[in-house]
Amino acid sequence: MQNDEPSAVGAPSTSDPVAAPMRKRPKPGERRVQILQALASMLEQPGAERVTTAALAARLEVSEAALYRHFASKAQMFEGLIDFIEQSVFTLVNQIVEREGAGRDQAARIVAMVVQFAEKNPGMTRVMVGDALVFENERLQNRMNQFFDKIEATLRQVLRDAAADDGAATPTVDAQIRASAITAFVVGRLQRFARSGFRRLPSEHLDAAVALML
């Protein structure tokens, strides 16, 4: 990623007394990434108030107008973070479903992966549980609701297969109950992590807790 440090362009000519180091401008895609990284970093601050575009611009040492050259609105910036969350998590979910063995192992691995992702990305966690979206466009919260609905649906599928293999009389119902409970548990762990100022890690006694539900 390019930075804003002066670039080496050679020694100025003695015949050009006003020559000065040039500053490289980030490419459009790079600046978008910088904006999203800065937004996520600001969200990592425990107890942070609503992030404004003015504060974000100040963090990046650019004007608010510069932000809007890359994103039409702050909602679009949050959508960029949600895109990253969805792409990161569901790429790994698909890999787990394809590569892991039994359904319960798949379910446990999915839960661990989501929790680990949140733990490594505290700012993203505030987006995932909606704390950072309280004052933003309602469609953003709807997208995160759909994210967890999709996680629950995946858990339901792998657990239904496991219940069927175990000879359960009602594998679909059993899987639905377990998937719902596990998803609620994950959301609760992430909420506690965010609202504790990131002190209560969501991975605390995770394996033992998940084992009780599986």
C-alpha atoms as a PDB file:
ATOM      1  CA  MET A   1       0.000   0.000   0.000  1.00  0.00           C
ATOM      2  CA  GLN A   2       1.336   3.403  -0.848  1.00  0.00           C
ATOM      3  CA  ASN A   3       1.855   5.928   1.937  1.00  0.00           C
ATOM      4  CA  ASP A   4       2.090   9.659   1.961  1.00  0.00           C
ATOM      5  CA  GLU A   5       5.836   9.813   2.673  1.00  0.00           C
ATOM      6  CA  PRO A   6       7.867  11.953   0.248  1.00  0.00           C
ATOM      7  CA  SER A   7       9.079   9.923  -2.689  1.00  0.00           C
ATOM      8  CA  ALA A   8      12.661   9.798  -3.897  1.00  0.00           C
ATOM      9  CA  VAL A   9      12.682  11.656  -7.172  1.00  0.00           C
ATOM     10  CA  GLY A  10      16.362  12.520  -7.393  1.00  0.00           C
ATOM     11  CA  ALA A  11      18.251  15.621  -6.371  1.00  0.00           C
ATOM     12  CA  PRO A  12      16.699  18.935  -7.401  1.00  0.00           C
ATOM     13  CA  SER A  13      18.447  20.863 -10.140  1.00  0.00           C
ATOM     14  CA  THR A  14      20.525  23.808  -8.990  1.00  0.00           C
ATOM     15  CA  SER A  15      18.749  25.825 -11.655  1.00  0.00           C
ATOM     16  CA  ASP A  16      15.384  25.105 -10.020  1.00  0.00           C
ATOM     17  CA  PRO A  17      15.418  26.687  -6.553  1.00  0.00           C
ATOM     18  CA  VAL A  18      11.766  25.865  -5.877  1.00  0.00           C
ATOM     19  CA  ALA A  19      12.059  22.141  -6.576  1.00  0.00           C
ATOM     20  CA  ALA A  20      10.566  20.076  -3.707  1.00  0.00           C
ATOM     21  CA  PRO A  21       9.945  16.388  -3.043  1.00  0.00           C
ATOM     22  CA  MET A  22       6.766  15.136  -4.664  1.00  0.00           C
ATOM     23  CA  ARG A  23       4.106  13.259  -2.680  1.00  0.00           C
ATOM     24  CA  LYS A  24       2.652  10.140  -4.174  1.00  0.00           C
ATOM     25  CA  ARG A  25      -1.112   9.971  -4.190  1.00  0.00           C
ATOM     26  CA  PRO A  26      -2.623   6.609  -3.262  1.00  0.00           C
ATOM     27  CA  LYS A  27      -4.456   4.903  -6.090  1.00  0.00           C
ATOM     28  CA  PRO A  28      -8.285   5.011  -5.781  1.00  0.00           C
ATOM     29  CA  GLY A  29      -8.515   1.410  -4.560  1.00  0.00           C
ATOM     30  CA  GLU A  30      -5.734   1.944  -2.043  1.00  0.00           C
ATOM     31  CA  ARG A  31      -7.392   5.040  -0.623  1.00  0.00           C
ATOM     32  CA  ARG A  32     -10.651   3.123  -0.196  1.00  0.00           C
ATOM     33  CA  VAL A  33      -8.783   0.489   1.787  1.00  0.00           C
ATOM     34  CA  GLN A  34      -7.122   3.167   3.907  1.00  0.00           C
ATOM     35  CA  ILE A  35     -10.507   4.722   4.694  1.00  0.00           C
ATOM     36  CA  LEU A  36     -11.994   1.373   5.740  1.00  0.00           C
ATOM     37  CA  GLN A  37      -8.929   0.517   7.821  1.00  0.00           C
ATOM     38  CA  ALA A  38      -9.144   3.867   9.595  1.00  0.00           C
ATOM     39  CA  LEU A  39     -12.870   3.419  10.257  1.00  0.00           C
ATOM     40  CA  ALA A  40     -12.308  -0.073  11.694  1.00  0.00           C
ATOM     41  CA  SER A  41      -9.449   1.236  13.830  1.00  0.00           C
ATOM     42  CA  MET A  42     -11.605   4.027  15.257  1.00  0.00           C
ATOM     43  CA  LEU A  43     -14.319   1.509  16.101  1.00  0.00           C
ATOM     44  CA  GLU A  44     -11.783  -0.454  18.140  1.00  0.00           C
ATOM     45  CA  GLN A  45     -11.604   2.321  20.719  1.00  0.00           C
ATOM     46  CA  PRO A  46     -13.599   1.138  23.764  1.00  0.00           C
ATOM     47  CA  GLY A  47     -16.529   3.403  24.455  1.00  0.00           C
ATOM     48  CA  ALA A  48     -15.994   5.305  21.232  1.00  0.00           C
ATOM     49  CA  GLU A  49     -18.855   7.577  20.335  1.00  0.00           C
ATOM     50  CA  ARG A  50     -20.433   7.604  16.918  1.00  0.00           C
ATOM     51  CA  VAL A  51     -17.729   7.935  14.287  1.00  0.00           C
ATOM     52  CA  THR A  52     -18.317  11.030  12.173  1.00  0.00           C
ATOM     53  CA  THR A  53     -16.933  11.662   8.716  1.00  0.00           C
ATOM     54  CA  ALA A  54     -15.220  14.761  10.138  1.00  0.00           C
ATOM     55  CA  ALA A  55     -13.366  12.644  12.707  1.00  0.00           C
ATOM     56  CA  LEU A  56     -12.532  10.029  10.090  1.00  0.00           C
ATOM     57  CA  ALA A  57     -11.188  12.674   7.709  1.00  0.00           C
ATOM     58  CA  ALA A  58      -9.090  14.158  10.508  1.00  0.00           C
ATOM     59  CA  ARG A  59      -7.701  10.714  11.300  1.00  0.00           C
ATOM     60  CA  LEU A  60      -6.593  10.345   7.683  1.00  0.00           C
ATOM     61  CA  GLU A  61      -5.474  13.978   7.426  1.00  0.00           C
ATOM     62  CA  VAL A  62      -7.695  14.598   4.420  1.00  0.00           C
ATOM     63  CA  SER A  63     -10.834  16.640   3.800  1.00  0.00           C
ATOM     64  CA  GLU A  64     -14.335  15.212   4.110  1.00  0.00           C
ATOM     65  CA  ALA A  65     -14.731  15.919   0.409  1.00  0.00           C
ATOM     66  CA  ALA A  66     -11.815  13.527  -0.203  1.00  0.00           C
ATOM     67  CA  LEU A  67     -13.731  10.764   1.584  1.00  0.00           C
ATOM     68  CA  TYR A  68     -16.778  11.318  -0.590  1.00  0.00           C
ATOM     69  CA  ARG A  69     -14.712  10.918  -3.728  1.00  0.00           C
ATOM     70  CA  HIS A  70     -14.401   7.244  -2.780  1.00  0.00           C
ATOM     71  CA  PHE A  71     -17.673   6.597  -0.929  1.00  0.00           C
ATOM     72  CA  ALA A  72     -20.999   8.282  -1.655  1.00  0.00           C
ATOM     73  CA  SER A  73     -21.960   8.192   2.027  1.00  0.00           C
ATOM     74  CA  LYS A  74     -20.855   6.931   5.414  1.00  0.00           C
ATOM     75  CA  ALA A  75     -23.343   4.092   4.986  1.00  0.00           C
ATOM     76  CA  GLN A  76     -21.301   2.952   1.992  1.00  0.00           C
ATOM     77  CA  MET A  77     -18.203   2.905   4.179  1.00  0.00           C
ATOM     78  CA  PHE A  78     -19.944   0.613   6.638  1.00  0.00           C
ATOM     79  CA  GLU A  79     -21.124  -1.508   3.738  1.00  0.00           C
ATOM     80  CA  GLY A  80     -17.471  -1.869   2.761  1.00  0.00           C
ATOM     81  CA  LEU A  81     -16.712  -3.235   6.240  1.00  0.00           C
ATOM     82  CA  ILE A  82     -19.681  -5.597   6.043  1.00  0.00           C
ATOM     83  CA  ASP A  83     -18.519  -6.807   2.624  1.00  0.00           C
ATOM     84  CA  PHE A  84     -15.147  -7.623   4.169  1.00  0.00           C
ATOM     85  CA  ILE A  85     -16.766  -9.472   7.084  1.00  0.00           C
ATOM     86  CA  GLU A  86     -19.017 -11.509   4.817  1.00  0.00           C
ATOM     87  CA  GLN A  87     -16.308 -12.397   2.313  1.00  0.00           C
ATOM     88  CA  SER A  88     -13.789 -13.325   5.008  1.00  0.00           C
ATOM     89  CA  VAL A  89     -16.123 -15.423   7.127  1.00  0.00           C
ATOM     90  CA  PHE A  90     -18.102 -17.227   4.446  1.00  0.00           C
ATOM     91  CA  THR A  91     -14.999 -18.108   2.436  1.00  0.00           C
ATOM     92  CA  LEU A  92     -13.769 -19.927   5.535  1.00  0.00           C
ATOM     93  CA  VAL A  93     -17.209 -21.407   6.263  1.00  0.00           C
ATOM     94  CA  ASN A  94     -17.257 -22.953   2.794  1.00  0.00           C
ATOM     95  CA  GLN A  95     -13.789 -24.367   3.307  1.00  0.00           C
ATOM     96  CA  ILE A  96     -14.805 -25.913   6.633  1.00  0.00           C
ATOM     97  CA  VAL A  97     -17.923 -27.500   5.174  1.00  0.00           C
ATOM     98  CA  GLU A  98     -15.923 -28.943   2.274  1.00  0.00           C
ATOM     99  CA  ARG A  99     -12.914 -30.181   4.238  1.00  0.00           C
ATOM    100  CA  GLU A 100     -13.969 -31.052   7.787  1.00  0.00           C
ATOM    101  CA  GLY A 101     -15.387 -34.451   8.710  1.00  0.00           C
ATOM    102  CA  ALA A 102     -18.505 -35.040  10.791  1.00  0.00           C
ATOM    103  CA  GLY A 103     -21.268 -32.447  11.141  1.00  0.00           C
ATOM    104  CA  ARG A 104     -20.551 -31.704  14.791  1.00  0.00           C
ATOM    105  CA  ASP A 105     -16.890 -31.121  14.014  1.00  0.00           C
ATOM    106  CA  GLN A 106     -17.915 -28.754  11.246  1.00  0.00           C
ATOM    107  CA  ALA A 107     -20.251 -26.865  13.558  1.00  0.00           C
ATOM    108  CA  ALA A 108     -17.614 -26.520  16.267  1.00  0.00           C
ATOM    109  CA  ARG A 109     -15.059 -25.314  13.736  1.00  0.00           C
ATOM    110  CA  ILE A 110     -17.453 -22.731  12.277  1.00  0.00           C
ATOM    111  CA  VAL A 111     -18.190 -21.337  15.738  1.00  0.00           C
ATOM    112  CA  ALA A 112     -14.491 -21.163  16.610  1.00  0.00           C
ATOM    113  CA  MET A 113     -13.674 -19.432  13.322  1.00  0.00           C
ATOM    114  CA  VAL A 114     -16.370 -16.731  13.741  1.00  0.00           C
ATOM    115  CA  VAL A 115     -15.261 -16.085  17.324  1.00  0.00           C
ATOM    116  CA  GLN A 116     -11.588 -15.923  16.338  1.00  0.00           C
ATOM    117  CA  PHE A 117     -12.365 -13.528  13.495  1.00  0.00           C
ATOM    118  CA  ALA A 118     -14.201 -11.215  15.896  1.00  0.00           C
ATOM    119  CA  GLU A 119     -11.471 -11.440  18.513  1.00  0.00           C
ATOM    120  CA  LYS A 120      -8.813 -10.457  15.976  1.00  0.00           C
ATOM    121  CA  ASN A 121     -10.955  -7.617  14.578  1.00  0.00           C
ATOM    122  CA  PRO A 122     -12.522  -5.753  17.523  1.00  0.00           C
ATOM    123  CA  GLY A 123     -13.765  -2.887  15.363  1.00  0.00           C
ATOM    124  CA  MET A 124     -15.519  -5.344  13.059  1.00  0.00           C
ATOM    125  CA  THR A 125     -17.124  -6.965  16.107  1.00  0.00           C
ATOM    126  CA  ARG A 126     -18.940  -3.722  16.878  1.00  0.00           C
ATOM    127  CA  VAL A 127     -20.331  -3.809  13.354  1.00  0.00           C
ATOM    128  CA  MET A 128     -21.279  -7.491  13.616  1.00  0.00           C
ATOM    129  CA  VAL A 129     -23.340  -7.017  16.786  1.00  0.00           C
ATOM    130  CA  GLY A 130     -24.800  -3.707  15.627  1.00  0.00           C
ATOM    131  CA  ASP A 131     -23.293  -1.422  18.270  1.00  0.00           C
ATOM    132  CA  ALA A 132     -21.612   0.661  15.572  1.00  0.00           C
ATOM    133  CA  LEU A 133     -24.755   0.758  13.442  1.00  0.00           C
ATOM    134  CA  VAL A 134     -27.217   2.220  15.947  1.00  0.00           C
ATOM    135  CA  PHE A 135     -27.269   5.659  14.322  1.00  0.00           C
ATOM    136  CA  GLU A 136     -26.713   4.448  10.772  1.00  0.00           C
ATOM    137  CA  ASN A 137     -28.989   3.333   7.934  1.00  0.00           C
ATOM    138  CA  GLU A 138     -31.332   0.503   8.912  1.00  0.00           C
ATOM    139  CA  ARG A 139     -30.290  -1.601   5.927  1.00  0.00           C
ATOM    140  CA  LEU A 140     -26.859  -2.052   7.505  1.00  0.00           C
ATOM    141  CA  GLN A 141     -28.324  -3.757  10.551  1.00  0.00           C
ATOM    142  CA  ASN A 142     -30.524  -5.855   8.275  1.00  0.00           C
ATOM    143  CA  ARG A 143     -27.411  -7.073   6.468  1.00  0.00           C
ATOM    144  CA  MET A 144     -25.800  -8.161   9.710  1.00  0.00           C
ATOM    145  CA  ASN A 145     -29.017  -9.904  10.735  1.00  0.00           C
ATOM    146  CA  GLN A 146     -28.878 -11.776   7.437  1.00  0.00           C
ATOM    147  CA  PHE A 147     -25.239 -12.632   8.120  1.00  0.00           C
ATOM    148  CA  PHE A 148     -26.134 -14.452  11.330  1.00  0.00           C
ATOM    149  CA  ASP A 149     -29.205 -16.009   9.689  1.00  0.00           C
ATOM    150  CA  LYS A 150     -26.848 -17.514   7.114  1.00  0.00           C
ATOM    151  CA  ILE A 151     -24.502 -18.774   9.837  1.00  0.00           C
ATOM    152  CA  GLU A 152     -27.476 -20.389  11.584  1.00  0.00           C
ATOM    153  CA  ALA A 153     -28.679 -21.960   8.336  1.00  0.00           C
ATOM    154  CA  THR A 154     -25.252 -23.487   7.744  1.00  0.00           C
ATOM    155  CA  LEU A 155     -25.110 -24.846  11.287  1.00  0.00           C
ATOM    156  CA  ARG A 156     -28.611 -26.255  10.868  1.00  0.00           C
ATOM    157  CA  GLN A 157     -27.584 -28.102   7.726  1.00  0.00           C
ATOM    158  CA  VAL A 158     -24.428 -29.708   9.105  1.00  0.00           C
ATOM    159  CA  LEU A 159     -26.138 -30.604  12.380  1.00  0.00           C
ATOM    160  CA  ARG A 160     -29.124 -32.122  10.569  1.00  0.00           C
ATOM    161  CA  ASP A 161     -26.775 -34.426   8.729  1.00  0.00           C
ATOM    162  CA  ALA A 162     -25.117 -35.373  12.021  1.00  0.00           C
ATOM    163  CA  ALA A 163     -28.467 -36.028  13.703  1.00  0.00           C
ATOM    164  CA  ALA A 164     -29.591 -38.164  10.787  1.00  0.00           C
ATOM    165  CA  ASP A 165     -26.378 -40.176  10.969  1.00  0.00           C
ATOM    166  CA  ASP A 166     -27.039 -40.709  14.677  1.00  0.00           C
ATOM    167  CA  GLY A 167     -30.495 -42.080  13.883  1.00  0.00           C
ATOM    168  CA  ALA A 168     -32.444 -39.226  15.515  1.00  0.00           C
ATOM    169  CA  ALA A 169     -36.226 -39.498  15.095  1.00  0.00           C
ATOM    170  CA  THR A 170     -36.533 -35.795  14.243  1.00  0.00           C
ATOM    171  CA  PRO A 171     -33.152 -34.711  12.829  1.00  0.00           C
ATOM    172  CA  THR A 172     -34.484 -31.493  11.278  1.00  0.00           C
ATOM    173  CA  VAL A 173     -36.089 -30.301  14.500  1.00  0.00           C
ATOM    174  CA  ASP A 174     -33.090 -31.316  16.593  1.00  0.00           C
ATOM    175  CA  ALA A 175     -30.719 -29.459  14.245  1.00  0.00           C
ATOM    176  CA  GLN A 176     -32.905 -26.350  14.207  1.00  0.00           C
ATOM    177  CA  ILE A 177     -32.933 -26.144  18.006  1.00  0.00           C
ATOM    178  CA  ARG A 178     -29.190 -26.663  18.326  1.00  0.00           C
ATOM    179  CA  ALA A 179     -28.315 -24.241  15.510  1.00  0.00           C
ATOM    180  CA  SER A 180     -30.517 -21.539  17.014  1.00  0.00           C
ATOM    181  CA  ALA A 181     -28.991 -21.975  20.470  1.00  0.00           C
ATOM    182  CA  ILE A 182     -25.428 -21.979  19.157  1.00  0.00           C
ATOM    183  CA  THR A 183     -25.977 -18.878  17.009  1.00  0.00           C
ATOM    184  CA  ALA A 184     -27.509 -17.030  19.970  1.00  0.00           C
ATOM    185  CA  PHE A 185     -24.505 -18.084  22.059  1.00  0.00           C
ATOM    186  CA  VAL A 186     -22.064 -16.709  19.466  1.00  0.00           C
ATOM    187  CA  VAL A 187     -23.918 -13.397  19.196  1.00  0.00           C
ATOM    188  CA  GLY A 188     -23.974 -13.144  22.996  1.00  0.00           C
ATOM    189  CA  ARG A 189     -20.242 -13.755  23.237  1.00  0.00           C
ATOM    190  CA  LEU A 190     -19.525 -11.065  20.642  1.00  0.00           C
ATOM    191  CA  GLN A 191     -21.851  -8.587  22.381  1.00  0.00           C
ATOM    192  CA  ARG A 192     -20.128  -9.198  25.704  1.00  0.00           C
ATOM    193  CA  PHE A 193     -16.733  -8.715  24.025  1.00  0.00           C
ATOM    194  CA  ALA A 194     -17.758  -5.373  22.519  1.00  0.00           C
ATOM    195  CA  ARG A 195     -19.562  -4.053  25.588  1.00  0.00           C
ATOM    196  CA  SER A 196     -16.759  -4.995  27.968  1.00  0.00           C
ATOM    197  CA  GLY A 197     -14.439  -2.712  26.042  1.00  0.00           C
ATOM    198  CA  PHE A 198     -12.899  -5.829  24.467  1.00  0.00           C
ATOM    199  CA  ARG A 199     -11.724  -7.173  27.837  1.00  0.00           C
ATOM    200  CA  ARG A 200     -13.953 -10.292  27.985  1.00  0.00           C
ATOM    201  CA  LEU A 201     -12.608 -12.437  25.176  1.00  0.00           C
ATOM    202  CA  PRO A 202     -15.290 -14.376  23.282  1.00  0.00           C
ATOM    203  CA  SER A 203     -13.018 -17.428  23.087  1.00  0.00           C
ATOM    204  CA  GLU A 204     -13.059 -17.873  26.870  1.00  0.00           C
ATOM    205  CA  HIS A 205     -13.830 -21.565  27.613  1.00  0.00           C
ATOM    206  CA  LEU A 206     -15.213 -21.773  24.100  1.00  0.00           C
ATOM    207  CA  ASP A 207     -14.582 -25.461  23.405  1.00  0.00           C
ATOM    208  CA  ALA A 208     -16.207 -26.579  26.648  1.00  0.00           C
ATOM    209  CA  ALA A 209     -19.228 -24.327  26.113  1.00  0.00           C
ATOM    210  CA  VAL A 210     -19.777 -25.495  22.529  1.00  0.00           C
ATOM    211  CA  ALA A 211     -19.366 -29.143  23.536  1.00  0.00           C
ATOM    212  CA  LEU A 212     -22.280 -28.763  25.945  1.00  0.00           C
ATOM    213  CA  MET A 213     -24.550 -27.592  23.086  1.00  0.00           C
ATOM    214  CA  LEU A 214     -23.409 -30.204  20.581  1.00  0.00           C
END
